[in-house]
Each structure stands twice: as C-alpha cells, then as structure tokens.
C-alpha cells in the first residue's frame, strides 16, 4: 500500500491530507523511509485524525521510478 499511496500522492497537489488508520500508518512508514515530508498526526475540524503530506523527497521520487519500472 505504501508505494500505491506514494504514486497517488505524486499525482496530487500538495499539501494534502490522508485520513484513516491505514492511510496514516502508510504515511508514517513513508516518512520513516524518507520518501515524503509530512506532519503527523493532525486533526480536522470534525475531529478526524489526518496526516498532512507536504512534499515528496528525492528518495520518494527514486522509489516511484523503481515502482513504475517493476
């Protein structure tokens, strides 16, 4: 799911919010791997926890190239 999310994020205008436990866990993993820049966790006005992805890193773009080549 991490690489699928990374690919999705590469198509979005950033910053963008990712909600849900699985989404936040995937963003946390991408952040630890150095693939994204993100703020964890935030909460929306409705009280829903979100991770805000602010950018992709060189490592993230490299992972995307490998993902697309697989």
PDB file of N, CA and C in Angstrom:
ATOM      1  N   UNK A   1       0.831  -1.200   0.000  1.00  0.00           N
ATOM      2  CA  UNK A   1       0.000   0.000   0.000  1.00  0.00           C
ATOM      3  C   UNK A   1       0.870   1.256   0.000  1.00  0.00           C
ATOM      4  N   UNK A   2       2.061   1.182   0.602  1.00  0.00           N
ATOM      5  CA  UNK A   2       2.896   2.382   0.695  1.00  0.00           C
ATOM      6  C   UNK A   2       3.236   2.933  -0.677  1.00  0.00           C
ATOM      7  N   UNK A   3       3.665   2.059  -1.597  1.00  0.00           N
ATOM      8  CA  UNK A   3       4.049   2.550  -2.920  1.00  0.00           C
ATOM      9  C   UNK A   3       2.845   3.013  -3.719  1.00  0.00           C
ATOM     10  N   UNK A   4       1.716   2.369  -3.516  1.00  0.00           N
ATOM     11  CA  UNK A   4       0.489   2.822  -4.176  1.00  0.00           C
ATOM     12  C   UNK A   4       0.123   4.215  -3.678  1.00  0.00           C
ATOM     13  N   UNK A   5       0.230   4.423  -2.373  1.00  0.00           N
ATOM     14  CA  UNK A   5      -0.045   5.745  -1.811  1.00  0.00           C
ATOM     15  C   UNK A   5       0.968   6.764  -2.307  1.00  0.00           C
ATOM     16  N   UNK A   6       2.224   6.381  -2.367  1.00  0.00           N
ATOM     17  CA  UNK A   6       3.258   7.285  -2.856  1.00  0.00           C
ATOM     18  C   UNK A   6       2.952   7.695  -4.299  1.00  0.00           C
ATOM     19  N   UNK A   7       2.548   6.740  -5.121  1.00  0.00           N
ATOM     20  CA  UNK A   7       2.181   7.049  -6.503  1.00  0.00           C
ATOM     21  C   UNK A   7       0.988   8.004  -6.537  1.00  0.00           C
ATOM     22  N   UNK A   8      -0.026   7.718  -5.733  1.00  0.00           N
ATOM     23  CA  UNK A   8      -1.200   8.594  -5.655  1.00  0.00           C
ATOM     24  C   UNK A   8      -0.793  10.003  -5.246  1.00  0.00           C
ATOM     25  N   UNK A   9       0.043  10.111  -4.225  1.00  0.00           N
ATOM     26  CA  UNK A   9       0.473  11.429  -3.748  1.00  0.00           C
ATOM     27  C   UNK A   9       1.228  12.190  -4.829  1.00  0.00           C
ATOM     28  N   UNK A  10       1.956  11.474  -5.682  1.00  0.00           N
ATOM     29  CA  UNK A  10       2.718  12.137  -6.745  1.00  0.00           C
ATOM     30  C   UNK A  10       1.806  12.780  -7.781  1.00  0.00           C
ATOM     31  N   UNK A  11       0.532  12.396  -7.796  1.00  0.00           N
ATOM     32  CA  UNK A  11      -0.416  12.955  -8.756  1.00  0.00           C
ATOM     33  C   UNK A  11      -1.269  14.074  -8.162  1.00  0.00           C
ATOM     34  N   UNK A  12      -1.103  14.319  -6.863  1.00  0.00           N
ATOM     35  CA  UNK A  12      -1.939  15.299  -6.167  1.00  0.00           C
ATOM     36  C   UNK A  12      -1.212  16.620  -5.966  1.00  0.00           C
ATOM     37  N   UNK A  13      -2.002  17.675  -5.821  1.00  0.00           N
ATOM     38  CA  UNK A  13      -1.434  18.967  -5.441  1.00  0.00           C
ATOM     39  C   UNK A  13      -1.167  18.911  -3.940  1.00  0.00           C
ATOM     40  N   UNK A  14       0.051  19.213  -3.563  1.00  0.00           N
ATOM     41  CA  UNK A  14       0.442  19.148  -2.158  1.00  0.00           C
ATOM     42  C   UNK A  14       0.507  20.545  -1.561  1.00  0.00           C
ATOM     43  N   UNK A  15       0.202  20.700  -0.295  1.00  0.00           N
ATOM     44  CA  UNK A  15      -0.035  19.663   0.708  1.00  0.00           C
ATOM     45  C   UNK A  15      -1.424  19.044   0.551  1.00  0.00           C
ATOM     46  N   UNK A  16      -1.520  17.810   1.013  1.00  0.00           N
ATOM     47  CA  UNK A  16      -2.794  17.094   1.008  1.00  0.00           C
ATOM     48  C   UNK A  16      -2.908  16.257   2.275  1.00  0.00           C
ATOM     49  N   UNK A  17      -4.142  16.034   2.687  1.00  0.00           N
ATOM     50  CA  UNK A  17      -4.393  15.277   3.913  1.00  0.00           C
ATOM     51  C   UNK A  17      -4.716  13.828   3.581  1.00  0.00           C
ATOM     52  N   UNK A  18      -4.222  12.924   4.417  1.00  0.00           N
ATOM     53  CA  UNK A  18      -4.517  11.494   4.302  1.00  0.00           C
ATOM     54  C   UNK A  18      -5.164  11.081   5.617  1.00  0.00           C
ATOM     55  N   UNK A  19      -6.369  10.526   5.524  1.00  0.00           N
ATOM     56  CA  UNK A  19      -7.115  10.139   6.722  1.00  0.00           C
ATOM     57  C   UNK A  19      -7.186   8.621   6.836  1.00  0.00           C
ATOM     58  N   UNK A  20      -7.678   8.166   7.960  1.00  0.00           N
ATOM     59  CA  UNK A  20      -7.862   6.740   8.194  1.00  0.00           C
ATOM     60  C   UNK A  20      -6.615   6.118   8.794  1.00  0.00           C
ATOM     61  N   UNK A  21      -6.831   5.113   9.608  1.00  0.00           N
ATOM     62  CA  UNK A  21      -5.717   4.480  10.318  1.00  0.00           C
ATOM     63  C   UNK A  21      -4.697   3.892   9.359  1.00  0.00           C
ATOM     64  N   UNK A  22      -5.149   3.194   8.313  1.00  0.00           N
ATOM     65  CA  UNK A  22      -4.212   2.587   7.362  1.00  0.00           C
ATOM     66  C   UNK A  22      -3.464   3.651   6.574  1.00  0.00           C
ATOM     67  N   UNK A  23      -4.165   4.700   6.160  1.00  0.00           N
ATOM     68  CA  UNK A  23      -3.522   5.781   5.418  1.00  0.00           C
ATOM     69  C   UNK A  23      -2.466   6.485   6.242  1.00  0.00           C
ATOM     70  N   UNK A  24      -2.796   6.770   7.491  1.00  0.00           N
ATOM     71  CA  UNK A  24      -1.847   7.443   8.382  1.00  0.00           C
ATOM     72  C   UNK A  24      -0.643   6.541   8.654  1.00  0.00           C
ATOM     73  N   UNK A  25      -0.888   5.239   8.829  1.00  0.00           N
ATOM     74  CA  UNK A  25       0.218   4.291   9.042  1.00  0.00           C
ATOM     75  C   UNK A  25       1.129   4.246   7.811  1.00  0.00           C
ATOM     76  N   UNK A  26       0.533   4.291   6.629  1.00  0.00           N
ATOM     77  CA  UNK A  26       1.324   4.269   5.396  1.00  0.00           C
ATOM     78  C   UNK A  26       2.145   5.548   5.257  1.00  0.00           C
ATOM     79  N   UNK A  27       1.554   6.694   5.592  1.00  0.00           N
ATOM     80  CA  UNK A  27       2.294   7.959   5.547  1.00  0.00           C
ATOM     81  C   UNK A  27       3.424   7.922   6.567  1.00  0.00           C
ATOM     82  N   UNK A  28       3.158   7.392   7.749  1.00  0.00           N
ATOM     83  CA  UNK A  28       4.192   7.285   8.788  1.00  0.00           C
ATOM     84  C   UNK A  28       5.369   6.438   8.270  1.00  0.00           C
ATOM     85  N   UNK A  29       5.065   5.318   7.602  1.00  0.00           N
ATOM     86  CA  UNK A  29       6.115   4.454   7.055  1.00  0.00           C
ATOM     87  C   UNK A  29       6.896   5.187   5.957  1.00  0.00           C
ATOM     88  N   UNK A  30       6.197   5.891   5.076  1.00  0.00           N
ATOM     89  CA  UNK A  30       6.869   6.651   4.016  1.00  0.00           C
ATOM     90  C   UNK A  30       7.747   7.755   4.601  1.00  0.00           C
ATOM     91  N   UNK A  31       7.287   8.366   5.675  1.00  0.00           N
ATOM     92  CA  UNK A  31       8.057   9.408   6.349  1.00  0.00           C
ATOM     93  C   UNK A  31       9.329   8.807   6.956  1.00  0.00           C
ATOM     94  N   UNK A  32       9.200   7.657   7.614  1.00  0.00           N
ATOM     95  CA  UNK A  32      10.356   6.994   8.226  1.00  0.00           C
ATOM     96  C   UNK A  32      11.359   6.536   7.175  1.00  0.00           C
ATOM     97  N   UNK A  33      10.873   6.165   5.992  1.00  0.00           N
ATOM     98  CA  UNK A  33      11.746   5.735   4.898  1.00  0.00           C
ATOM     99  C   UNK A  33      12.367   6.922   4.168  1.00  0.00           C
ATOM    100  N   UNK A  34      11.916   8.134   4.519  1.00  0.00           N
ATOM    101  CA  UNK A  34      12.454   9.330   3.886  1.00  0.00           C
ATOM    102  C   UNK A  34      11.864   9.635   2.528  1.00  0.00           C
ATOM    103  N   UNK A  35      10.687   9.074   2.229  1.00  0.00           N
ATOM    104  CA  UNK A  35      10.067   9.260   0.915  1.00  0.00           C
ATOM    105  C   UNK A  35       9.185  10.505   0.834  1.00  0.00           C
ATOM    106  N   UNK A  36       8.671  10.963   1.974  1.00  0.00           N
ATOM    107  CA  UNK A  36       7.791  12.134   1.985  1.00  0.00           C
ATOM    108  C   UNK A  36       8.170  13.060   3.130  1.00  0.00           C
ATOM    109  N   UNK A  37       7.694  14.276   3.010  1.00  0.00           N
ATOM    110  CA  UNK A  37       7.716  15.227   4.114  1.00  0.00           C
ATOM    111  C   UNK A  37       6.274  15.313   4.579  1.00  0.00           C
ATOM    112  N   UNK A  38       6.050  15.161   5.878  1.00  0.00           N
ATOM    113  CA  UNK A  38       4.678  15.120   6.380  1.00  0.00           C
ATOM    114  C   UNK A  38       4.615  15.585   7.827  1.00  0.00           C
ATOM    115  N   UNK A  39       3.399  15.947   8.225  1.00  0.00           N
ATOM    116  CA  UNK A  39       3.110  16.321   9.609  1.00  0.00           C
ATOM    117  C   UNK A  39       2.148  15.276  10.159  1.00  0.00           C
ATOM    118  N   UNK A  40       2.539  14.667  11.297  1.00  0.00           N
ATOM    119  CA  UNK A  40       1.732  13.608  11.919  1.00  0.00           C
ATOM    120  C   UNK A  40       1.428  13.958  13.350  1.00  0.00           C
ATOM    121  N   UNK A  41       0.343  13.479  13.907  1.00  0.00           N
ATOM    122  CA  UNK A  41      -0.957  13.468  13.272  1.00  0.00           C
ATOM    123  C   UNK A  41      -1.600  14.815  13.470  1.00  0.00           C
ATOM    124  N   UNK A  42      -2.461  15.170  12.621  1.00  0.00           N
ATOM    125  CA  UNK A  42      -3.258  16.384  12.778  1.00  0.00           C
ATOM    126  C   UNK A  42      -4.703  15.973  12.953  1.00  0.00           C
ATOM    127  N   UNK A  43      -5.560  16.915  13.239  1.00  0.00           N
ATOM    128  CA  UNK A  43      -6.985  16.625  13.391  1.00  0.00           C
ATOM    129  C   UNK A  43      -7.764  17.677  12.609  1.00  0.00           C
ATOM    130  N   UNK A  44      -8.739  17.218  11.825  1.00  0.00           N
ATOM    131  CA  UNK A  44      -9.578  18.145  11.063  1.00  0.00           C
ATOM    132  C   UNK A  44     -10.559  18.818  11.994  1.00  0.00           C
ATOM    133  N   UNK A  45     -11.310  19.753  11.443  1.00  0.00           N
ATOM    134  CA  UNK A  45     -12.322  20.466  12.237  1.00  0.00           C
ATOM    135  C   UNK A  45     -13.383  19.513  12.774  1.00  0.00           C
ATOM    136  N   UNK A  46     -13.603  18.406  12.087  1.00  0.00           N
ATOM    137  CA  UNK A  46     -14.600  17.425  12.520  1.00  0.00           C
ATOM    138  C   UNK A  46     -14.029  16.407  13.502  1.00  0.00           C
ATOM    139  N   UNK A  47     -12.749  16.535  13.846  1.00  0.00           N
ATOM    140  CA  UNK A  47     -12.133  15.647  14.815  1.00  0.00           C
ATOM    141  C   UNK A  47     -11.519  14.399  14.215  1.00  0.00           C
ATOM    142  N   UNK A  48     -11.471  14.315  12.883  1.00  0.00           N
ATOM    143  CA  UNK A  48     -10.902  13.148  12.217  1.00  0.00           C
ATOM    144  C   UNK A  48      -9.383  13.295  12.161  1.00  0.00           C
ATOM    145  N   UNK A  49      -8.625  12.286  12.624  1.00  0.00           N
ATOM    146  CA  UNK A  49      -7.166  12.373  12.543  1.00  0.00           C
ATOM    147  C   UNK A  49      -6.694  12.271  11.095  1.00  0.00           C
ATOM    148  N   UNK A  50      -5.718  13.093  10.741  1.00  0.00           N
ATOM    149  CA  UNK A  50      -5.159  13.099   9.392  1.00  0.00           C
ATOM    150  C   UNK A  50      -3.649  13.293   9.461  1.00  0.00           C
ATOM    151  N   UNK A  51      -2.982  12.798   8.426  1.00  0.00           N
ATOM    152  CA  UNK A  51      -1.569  13.095   8.214  1.00  0.00           C
ATOM    153  C   UNK A  51      -1.528  14.064   7.042  1.00  0.00           C
ATOM    154  N   UNK A  52      -0.762  15.127   7.164  1.00  0.00           N
ATOM    155  CA  UNK A  52      -0.649  16.091   6.078  1.00  0.00           C
ATOM    156  C   UNK A  52       0.680  15.891   5.380  1.00  0.00           C
ATOM    157  N   UNK A  53       0.609  15.487   4.109  1.00  0.00           N
ATOM    158  CA  UNK A  53       1.810  15.293   3.303  1.00  0.00           C
ATOM    159  C   UNK A  53       2.114  16.613   2.612  1.00  0.00           C
ATOM    160  N   UNK A  54       3.312  17.138   2.857  1.00  0.00           N
ATOM    161  CA  UNK A  54       3.682  18.442   2.303  1.00  0.00           C
ATOM    162  C   UNK A  54       4.586  18.339   1.088  1.00  0.00           C
ATOM    163  N   UNK A  55       5.183  17.167   0.881  1.00  0.00           N
ATOM    164  CA  UNK A  55       6.045  17.025  -0.284  1.00  0.00           C
ATOM    165  C   UNK A  55       6.636  15.637  -0.404  1.00  0.00           C
ATOM    166  N   UNK A  56       7.132  15.340  -1.590  1.00  0.00           N
ATOM    167  CA  UNK A  56       7.875  14.104  -1.843  1.00  0.00           C
ATOM    168  C   UNK A  56       9.354  14.453  -1.860  1.00  0.00           C
ATOM    169  N   UNK A  57      10.184  13.527  -1.436  1.00  0.00           N
ATOM    170  CA  UNK A  57      11.622  13.751  -1.383  1.00  0.00           C
ATOM    171  C   UNK A  57      12.304  13.071  -2.572  1.00  0.00           C
ATOM    172  N   UNK A  58      13.604  13.294  -2.697  1.00  0.00           N
ATOM    173  CA  UNK A  58      14.373  12.603  -3.736  1.00  0.00           C
ATOM    174  C   UNK A  58      14.226  11.091  -3.599  1.00  0.00           C
ATOM    175  N   UNK A  59      14.284  10.626  -2.370  1.00  0.00           N
ATOM    176  CA  UNK A  59      14.135   9.200  -2.109  1.00  0.00           C
ATOM    177  C   UNK A  59      12.762   8.718  -2.575  1.00  0.00           C
ATOM    178  N   UNK A  60      11.751   9.525  -2.341  1.00  0.00           N
ATOM    179  CA  UNK A  60      10.398   9.181  -2.779  1.00  0.00           C
ATOM    180  C   UNK A  60      10.296   9.085  -4.287  1.00  0.00           C
ATOM    181  N   UNK A  61      10.877  10.053  -4.990  1.00  0.00           N
ATOM    182  CA  UNK A  61      10.845  10.017  -6.457  1.00  0.00           C
ATOM    183  C   UNK A  61      11.642   8.821  -6.988  1.00  0.00           C
ATOM    184  N   UNK A  62      12.730   8.483  -6.329  1.00  0.00           N
ATOM    185  CA  UNK A  62      13.525   7.317  -6.726  1.00  0.00           C
ATOM    186  C   UNK A  62      12.699   6.034  -6.543  1.00  0.00           C
ATOM    187  N   UNK A  63      11.997   5.926  -5.437  1.00  0.00           N
ATOM    188  CA  UNK A  63      11.144   4.757  -5.190  1.00  0.00           C
ATOM    189  C   UNK A  63      10.042   4.665  -6.243  1.00  0.00           C
ATOM    190  N   UNK A  64       9.501   5.812  -6.639  1.00  0.00           N
ATOM    191  CA  UNK A  64       8.473   5.820  -7.679  1.00  0.00           C
ATOM    192  C   UNK A  64       9.017   5.300  -9.008  1.00  0.00           C
ATOM    193  N   UNK A  65      10.207   5.722  -9.374  1.00  0.00           N
ATOM    194  CA  UNK A  65      10.811   5.239 -10.622  1.00  0.00           C
ATOM    195  C   UNK A  65      10.985   3.727 -10.583  1.00  0.00           C
ATOM    196  N   UNK A  66      11.423   3.207  -9.444  1.00  0.00           N
ATOM    197  CA  UNK A  66      11.598   1.756  -9.304  1.00  0.00           C
ATOM    198  C   UNK A  66      10.251   1.044  -9.333  1.00  0.00           C
ATOM    199  N   UNK A  67       9.234   1.636  -8.719  1.00  0.00           N
ATOM    200  CA  UNK A  67       7.882   1.066  -8.673  1.00  0.00           C
ATOM    201  C   UNK A  67       7.298   0.997 -10.081  1.00  0.00           C
ATOM    202  N   UNK A  68       7.463   2.036 -10.839  1.00  0.00           N
ATOM    203  CA  UNK A  68       6.910   2.080 -12.196  1.00  0.00           C
ATOM    204  C   UNK A  68       7.665   1.144 -13.117  1.00  0.00           C
ATOM    205  N   UNK A  69       8.944   0.906 -12.829  1.00  0.00           N
ATOM    206  CA  UNK A  69       9.753   0.027 -13.667  1.00  0.00           C
ATOM    207  C   UNK A  69       9.544  -1.446 -13.352  1.00  0.00           C
ATOM    208  N   UNK A  70       8.910  -1.737 -12.235  1.00  0.00           N
ATOM    209  CA  UNK A  70       8.735  -3.143 -11.817  1.00  0.00           C
ATOM    210  C   UNK A  70       7.675  -3.846 -12.637  1.00  0.00           C
TER     211      UNK A  70
END
